[in-house]
Amino acid sequence: MTLELYLKHRRIIVKNSKSLIEKLRQLTRNVSVQYALYYYLWTVKGASIRNLHRLYNEFTGRMVAPNTVRKQLKILERKGLIKKLGDTYIALVEPQEVLDLFDARRSKAGRKEALKRSLGVKRKKIEVPLGLSHYVKEIVDETKKLIAKGDRTAALDLLVHTLLPLRETEALWLWHDNTFIYWNSKSRNFRAVESKDIAELLRKLGYREGVMIFHTLAHEKAKKVIHRIFNRGSYSWPWARSLAYGLKELELLKETNYRIQIKRIDNRIVLTLYDFYTKHQIAEYTTAWIHEELPEPMKNKNYYMGTVLGKTHVKQEIEENNYFSKWRK
């Protein structure tokens, strides 16, 4: 069976599969067979090893064992460019964006340094998954564009829903020093993470420490940007949140514990942070809030006192098979 008939049989929609094969052969000659394989994965939005094995034999003109193709896929996976979901391999980044990784005539170091440059990471040597680097750079670039247009609130909402582990409906309540405290809607309590690099990025962008819930006011605008960047329909939000877990794998995000008190007094929010162990006051922040509704957990109350936990309790089997592990090598 030819690849063209096979694609038709599998109901994979590819316009003019014969021209696609020619394109893959051209990429193999001009760049590499690995890049051609990656280009195909991006074009068809994912494929199984059986499909890829047939394809590989077709466009290379050689008969190889399935393990030969698996080795190529493993290399792409270690680079952070593809992910296996069930029996399907999917490409994470547009091929043109990673061409320099396959072309020996181009710089191979640039992409590995992109995340460090985007976040300003200087203090330690880290090996960054390339797909993660691509998306973090794109987020930071989009943030700067929003700020240039005067949309600072939307820019902040975009950052906290990608570089920090917030779900779509969750809010960042406090930024203190290098610590970020947000409400976790699933566990129904506050969580805290530390990141010197993200804190420094926010300072460079002109943001100041304090109560941060105002970012929720521009959520709809940031939401459109997230859907445009990730372009995965209802899965765009899990993908956006997965960036924070990629940073956590690189130890650029760390968990920590505190105690917190929130009071709503007329049109003011008073937030006090305490040491988790000694219960001594660390800092107090006040901000004006003229809007009727506050984010959780203050929607229907004027006072909250509770612990802020760092560790997220996730079952191992969920962590290994969900977006928590997208950027693991």
Protein backbone atom coordinates (compact mmCIF):
# COMPACT_ATOMS: atom_id res chain seq x y z
CA MET A 1 0.00 0.00 0.00
CA THR A 2 1.42 3.43 -0.91
CA LEU A 3 1.53 6.20 1.66
CA GLU A 4 -1.11 8.11 -0.29
CA LEU A 5 -3.59 5.23 -0.04
CA TYR A 6 -2.63 4.63 3.57
CA LEU A 7 -3.34 8.24 4.53
CA LYS A 8 -6.70 8.03 2.81
CA HIS A 9 -7.46 4.77 4.58
CA ARG A 10 -6.60 6.30 7.96
CA ARG A 11 -8.74 9.38 7.16
CA ILE A 12 -5.84 11.72 7.83
CA ILE A 13 -6.54 14.94 6.00
CA VAL A 14 -3.47 16.00 4.09
CA LYS A 15 -3.83 18.04 0.93
CA ASN A 16 -2.00 16.46 -1.98
CA SER A 17 -0.01 13.79 -0.07
CA LYS A 18 2.22 13.23 -3.12
CA SER A 19 3.48 16.81 -2.92
CA LEU A 20 3.95 16.34 0.82
CA ILE A 21 6.24 13.36 0.17
CA GLU A 22 8.26 15.47 -2.26
CA LYS A 23 8.50 18.20 0.36
CA LEU A 24 9.78 15.69 2.93
CA ARG A 25 12.38 14.36 0.49
CA GLN A 26 13.54 17.91 -0.18
CA LEU A 27 13.83 18.63 3.56
CA THR A 28 15.80 15.41 4.01
CA ARG A 29 18.29 16.51 1.34
CA ASN A 30 18.57 20.13 2.45
CA VAL A 31 18.30 19.77 6.23
CA SER A 32 17.97 16.26 7.73
CA VAL A 33 15.71 13.23 7.84
CA GLN A 34 14.90 14.04 11.46
CA TYR A 35 13.65 17.50 10.52
CA ALA A 36 11.53 16.01 7.72
CA LEU A 37 9.95 13.64 10.22
CA TYR A 38 9.25 16.54 12.57
CA TYR A 39 7.78 18.64 9.76
CA TYR A 40 5.38 15.81 8.96
CA LEU A 41 4.25 15.47 12.58
CA TRP A 42 3.43 19.18 12.68
CA THR A 43 1.62 19.08 9.32
CA VAL A 44 -0.73 16.19 10.16
CA LYS A 45 -1.23 17.23 13.82
CA GLY A 46 0.16 13.96 15.18
CA ALA A 47 0.71 10.37 14.06
CA SER A 48 1.28 6.84 15.42
CA ILE A 49 4.54 4.90 15.17
CA ARG A 50 2.95 2.62 12.55
CA ASN A 51 2.06 5.60 10.39
CA LEU A 52 5.49 7.17 10.88
CA HIS A 53 7.29 3.92 10.03
CA ARG A 54 5.45 3.67 6.70
CA LEU A 55 6.12 7.33 6.02
CA TYR A 56 9.83 7.03 6.84
CA ASN A 57 10.31 4.14 4.41
CA GLU A 58 8.37 6.05 1.74
CA PHE A 59 10.21 9.35 1.73
CA THR A 60 13.72 7.99 2.46
CA GLY A 61 13.43 5.19 -0.09
CA ARG A 62 14.92 2.76 2.45
CA MET A 63 13.38 -0.09 4.42
CA VAL A 64 14.19 0.32 8.10
CA ALA A 65 12.96 -1.32 11.29
CA PRO A 66 10.38 0.51 13.45
CA ASN A 67 13.04 0.92 16.15
CA THR A 68 15.04 3.16 13.81
CA VAL A 69 12.10 5.56 13.71
CA ARG A 70 11.57 5.25 17.47
CA LYS A 71 15.18 6.36 18.05
CA GLN A 72 14.58 9.49 15.98
CA LEU A 73 11.42 10.20 17.95
CA LYS A 74 13.26 9.73 21.25
CA ILE A 75 15.81 12.34 20.19
CA LEU A 76 13.04 14.78 19.29
CA GLU A 77 11.34 14.06 22.62
CA ARG A 78 14.53 14.71 24.60
CA LYS A 79 14.89 18.03 22.79
CA GLY A 80 11.43 18.98 24.06
CA LEU A 81 10.00 19.25 20.54
CA ILE A 82 7.48 16.40 20.58
CA LYS A 83 5.31 14.64 23.14
CA LYS A 84 3.71 11.21 23.11
CA LEU A 85 0.04 11.22 24.07
CA GLY A 86 -1.25 7.65 24.15
CA ASP A 87 -0.15 6.09 20.85
CA THR A 88 0.18 9.43 19.08
CA TYR A 89 3.28 11.61 18.72
CA ILE A 90 2.59 15.34 18.38
CA ALA A 91 4.88 18.26 17.50
CA LEU A 92 4.94 21.16 19.97
CA VAL A 93 6.57 24.00 18.04
CA GLU A 94 6.21 25.30 14.48
CA PRO A 95 8.99 23.73 12.34
CA GLN A 96 10.33 27.05 11.04
CA GLU A 97 10.93 28.17 14.61
CA VAL A 98 13.33 25.28 15.30
CA LEU A 99 15.03 24.93 11.92
CA ASP A 100 18.35 26.09 13.37
CA LEU A 101 18.42 23.01 15.62
CA PHE A 102 18.64 20.72 12.60
CA ASP A 103 20.66 22.84 10.19
CA ALA A 104 24.38 22.61 10.93
CA ARG A 105 24.95 25.92 9.14
CA ARG A 106 22.88 27.75 11.74
CA SER A 107 23.63 28.38 15.39
CA LYS A 108 22.58 25.51 17.64
CA ALA A 109 23.17 27.34 20.88
CA GLY A 110 20.69 30.16 20.39
CA ARG A 111 17.52 28.26 21.23
CA LYS A 112 19.03 26.74 24.36
CA GLU A 113 19.74 30.25 25.65
CA ALA A 114 16.36 31.75 24.67
CA LEU A 115 14.58 30.95 27.93
CA LYS A 116 17.50 32.21 29.99
CA ARG A 117 17.49 35.49 28.06
CA SER A 118 13.71 35.83 28.30
CA LEU A 119 13.70 35.39 32.08
CA GLY A 120 17.11 36.95 32.65
CA VAL A 121 18.54 33.76 34.17
CA LYS A 122 22.25 34.28 34.79
CA ARG A 123 23.19 32.63 38.04
CA LYS A 124 23.33 28.96 37.03
CA LYS A 125 23.87 26.69 34.07
CA ILE A 126 20.68 24.92 33.00
CA GLU A 127 19.70 22.75 30.06
CA VAL A 128 16.34 23.95 28.76
CA PRO A 129 13.84 21.87 26.76
CA LEU A 130 13.57 23.69 23.44
CA GLY A 131 9.78 23.63 23.20
CA LEU A 132 9.56 25.24 26.63
CA SER A 133 12.10 27.86 25.61
CA HIS A 134 10.07 28.70 22.51
CA TYR A 135 6.80 29.24 24.37
CA VAL A 136 8.31 31.22 27.25
CA LYS A 137 10.00 33.56 24.78
CA GLU A 138 6.72 33.99 22.91
CA ILE A 139 4.86 34.77 26.15
CA VAL A 140 7.43 37.37 27.19
CA ASP A 141 7.41 38.94 23.71
CA GLU A 142 3.59 39.15 23.72
CA THR A 143 3.70 40.65 27.21
CA LYS A 144 6.03 43.41 26.03
CA LYS A 145 3.73 44.14 23.08
CA LEU A 146 0.73 44.50 25.41
CA ILE A 147 2.70 46.82 27.70
CA ALA A 148 3.75 48.94 24.70
CA LYS A 149 0.06 49.33 23.86
CA GLY A 150 -0.73 50.37 27.43
CA ASP A 151 -2.41 47.06 28.36
CA ARG A 152 -0.35 46.44 31.50
CA THR A 153 -3.17 44.63 33.30
CA ALA A 154 -3.69 42.17 30.43
CA ALA A 155 0.08 41.67 30.19
CA LEU A 156 0.21 40.74 33.87
CA ASP A 157 -2.70 38.32 33.52
CA LEU A 158 -0.91 36.66 30.60
CA LEU A 159 2.26 36.22 32.66
CA VAL A 160 0.62 34.83 35.79
CA HIS A 161 -1.40 32.27 33.81
CA THR A 162 1.69 30.89 32.08
CA LEU A 163 4.83 31.42 34.16
CA LEU A 164 2.96 30.67 37.41
CA PRO A 165 0.83 27.53 37.96
CA LEU A 166 -2.58 29.23 37.94
CA ARG A 167 -5.65 27.66 36.38
CA GLU A 168 -7.84 29.82 34.14
CA THR A 169 -10.23 30.84 36.94
CA GLU A 170 -7.56 31.40 39.61
CA ALA A 171 -6.04 34.68 40.78
CA LEU A 172 -2.62 35.79 41.97
CA TRP A 173 -3.29 37.51 45.30
CA LEU A 174 0.15 38.62 46.44
CA TRP A 175 3.65 39.25 45.19
CA HIS A 176 6.15 39.74 48.02
CA ASP A 177 9.91 39.77 47.38
CA ASN A 178 10.38 36.59 45.27
CA THR A 179 7.19 34.91 46.51
CA PHE A 180 3.88 34.57 44.65
CA ILE A 181 0.72 33.54 46.49
CA TYR A 182 -2.37 32.40 44.61
CA TRP A 183 -5.69 30.70 45.38
CA ASN A 184 -5.93 27.07 44.28
CA SER A 185 -9.54 26.36 43.31
CA LYS A 186 -9.07 22.59 43.32
CA SER A 187 -7.61 22.18 46.82
CA ARG A 188 -9.52 25.23 48.13
CA ASN A 189 -6.54 26.87 49.80
CA PHE A 190 -3.70 29.25 49.06
CA ARG A 191 -0.48 28.09 47.41
CA ALA A 192 2.92 29.77 47.31
CA VAL A 193 5.87 29.53 44.93
CA GLU A 194 9.18 31.37 44.89
CA SER A 195 11.03 32.50 41.77
CA LYS A 196 13.80 35.06 41.78
CA ASP A 197 13.85 35.05 37.98
CA ILE A 198 10.13 35.75 37.51
CA ALA A 199 10.25 38.44 40.21
CA GLU A 200 13.16 40.14 38.44
CA LEU A 201 11.33 39.91 35.11
CA LEU A 202 8.27 41.63 36.60
CA ARG A 203 10.42 44.40 38.06
CA LYS A 204 12.10 44.97 34.70
CA LEU A 205 8.66 45.25 33.13
CA GLY A 206 7.73 47.95 35.65
CA TYR A 207 5.47 46.02 38.04
CA ARG A 208 5.62 46.52 41.81
CA GLU A 209 5.12 44.12 44.70
CA GLY A 210 1.83 44.02 46.55
CA VAL A 211 -1.76 42.85 46.13
CA MET A 212 -2.03 41.66 42.52
CA ILE A 213 -5.68 40.66 42.01
CA PHE A 214 -6.32 43.54 39.59
CA HIS A 215 -4.90 41.32 36.81
CA THR A 216 -8.28 39.51 36.74
CA LEU A 217 -9.94 42.63 35.33
CA ALA A 218 -8.24 42.09 31.94
CA HIS A 219 -8.59 38.34 31.81
CA GLU A 220 -10.65 38.23 28.61
CA LYS A 221 -7.94 40.02 26.62
CA ALA A 222 -5.18 37.77 27.98
CA LYS A 223 -7.37 34.75 27.28
CA LYS A 224 -7.45 35.57 23.56
CA VAL A 225 -3.65 35.81 23.47
CA ILE A 226 -3.27 32.42 25.19
CA HIS A 227 -5.62 30.74 22.71
CA ARG A 228 -3.74 32.34 19.81
CA ILE A 229 -0.31 31.25 21.07
CA PHE A 230 -1.16 27.65 21.98
CA ASN A 231 -3.95 27.14 19.42
CA ARG A 232 -5.21 23.91 21.01
CA GLY A 233 -8.86 24.74 21.64
CA SER A 234 -9.99 23.71 25.10
CA TYR A 235 -6.51 22.31 25.77
CA SER A 236 -4.85 25.72 25.43
CA TRP A 237 -5.21 26.39 29.16
CA PRO A 238 -3.57 23.15 30.35
CA TRP A 239 -0.75 23.86 27.90
CA ALA A 240 -0.39 27.41 29.21
CA ARG A 241 -0.24 26.19 32.80
CA SER A 242 2.27 23.49 31.87
CA LEU A 243 4.95 26.16 31.29
CA ALA A 244 5.09 26.82 35.03
CA TYR A 245 5.64 23.13 35.68
CA GLY A 246 8.40 23.12 33.09
CA LEU A 247 10.06 25.96 35.01
CA LYS A 248 9.56 24.00 38.21
CA GLU A 249 11.39 21.01 36.68
CA LEU A 250 14.32 23.38 36.02
CA GLU A 251 14.13 24.58 39.65
CA LEU A 252 13.23 28.10 38.55
CA LEU A 253 10.05 27.77 40.65
CA LYS A 254 10.17 26.48 44.23
CA GLU A 255 7.41 25.78 46.74
CA THR A 256 7.19 27.48 50.13
CA ASN A 257 4.81 27.92 53.10
CA TYR A 258 3.28 30.96 54.85
CA ARG A 259 0.20 32.11 56.71
CA ILE A 260 -2.05 34.80 55.27
CA GLN A 261 -4.78 37.15 56.45
CA ILE A 262 -7.08 39.11 54.12
CA LYS A 263 -9.53 41.81 55.20
CA ARG A 264 -11.94 43.82 53.08
CA ILE A 265 -12.60 47.17 54.73
CA ASP A 266 -14.97 49.35 52.68
CA ASN A 267 -13.11 49.92 49.41
CA ARG A 268 -9.76 48.64 50.66
CA ILE A 269 -8.08 45.24 50.73
CA VAL A 270 -5.58 44.66 53.54
CA LEU A 271 -3.39 41.59 53.11
CA THR A 272 -0.98 40.49 55.84
CA LEU A 273 1.69 37.82 55.40
CA TYR A 274 3.01 35.79 58.35
CA ASP A 275 5.85 33.33 58.87
CA PHE A 276 4.45 29.80 58.63
CA TYR A 277 6.31 28.53 61.71
CA THR A 278 6.73 31.50 64.07
CA LYS A 279 3.54 33.31 62.95
CA HIS A 280 5.44 36.61 63.09
CA GLN A 281 4.25 39.26 60.65
CA ILE A 282 6.43 39.56 57.55
CA ALA A 283 4.65 42.25 55.54
CA GLU A 284 1.34 44.04 55.11
CA TYR A 285 -0.06 45.43 51.87
CA THR A 286 -3.10 47.63 51.24
CA THR A 287 -4.79 48.40 47.94
CA ALA A 288 -7.96 50.13 46.81
CA TRP A 289 -10.70 47.91 45.37
CA ILE A 290 -13.80 49.66 44.05
CA HIS A 291 -15.22 46.65 42.23
CA GLU A 292 -18.10 44.76 43.77
CA GLU A 293 -16.78 41.20 43.54
CA LEU A 294 -13.45 39.84 44.71
CA PRO A 295 -11.79 36.65 43.45
CA GLU A 296 -11.99 33.48 45.53
CA PRO A 297 -11.87 32.95 48.47
CA MET A 298 -13.26 36.45 49.17
CA LYS A 299 -16.32 36.42 46.92
CA ASN A 300 -18.83 36.27 49.76
CA LYS A 301 -16.76 37.25 52.79
CA ASN A 302 -14.83 40.16 54.22
CA TYR A 303 -12.24 38.20 56.21
CA TYR A 304 -9.96 35.22 55.64
CA MET A 305 -7.19 33.68 57.74
CA GLY A 306 -5.39 30.49 56.77
CA THR A 307 -2.23 28.64 55.78
CA VAL A 308 -0.40 29.00 52.49
CA LEU A 309 1.06 25.68 51.34
CA GLY A 310 3.77 25.19 48.77
CA LYS A 311 3.60 21.49 48.05
CA THR A 312 0.94 20.43 45.54
CA HIS A 313 -0.34 16.95 46.34
CA VAL A 314 -0.71 15.20 43.00
CA LYS A 315 -0.95 11.46 42.43
CA GLN A 316 2.14 10.19 40.62
CA GLU A 317 0.19 8.49 37.84
CA ILE A 318 -1.66 11.74 37.13
CA GLU A 319 1.55 13.76 37.14
CA GLU A 320 3.28 11.40 34.71
CA ASN A 321 0.44 11.38 32.19
CA ASN A 322 -0.87 14.94 32.39
CA TYR A 323 0.42 18.38 31.49
CA PHE A 324 2.66 18.40 34.59
CA SER A 325 5.20 16.32 32.65
CA LYS A 326 5.02 17.93 29.19
CA TRP A 327 8.52 19.37 29.35
CA ARG A 328 10.33 16.54 31.09
CA LYS A 329 13.24 15.13 29.13
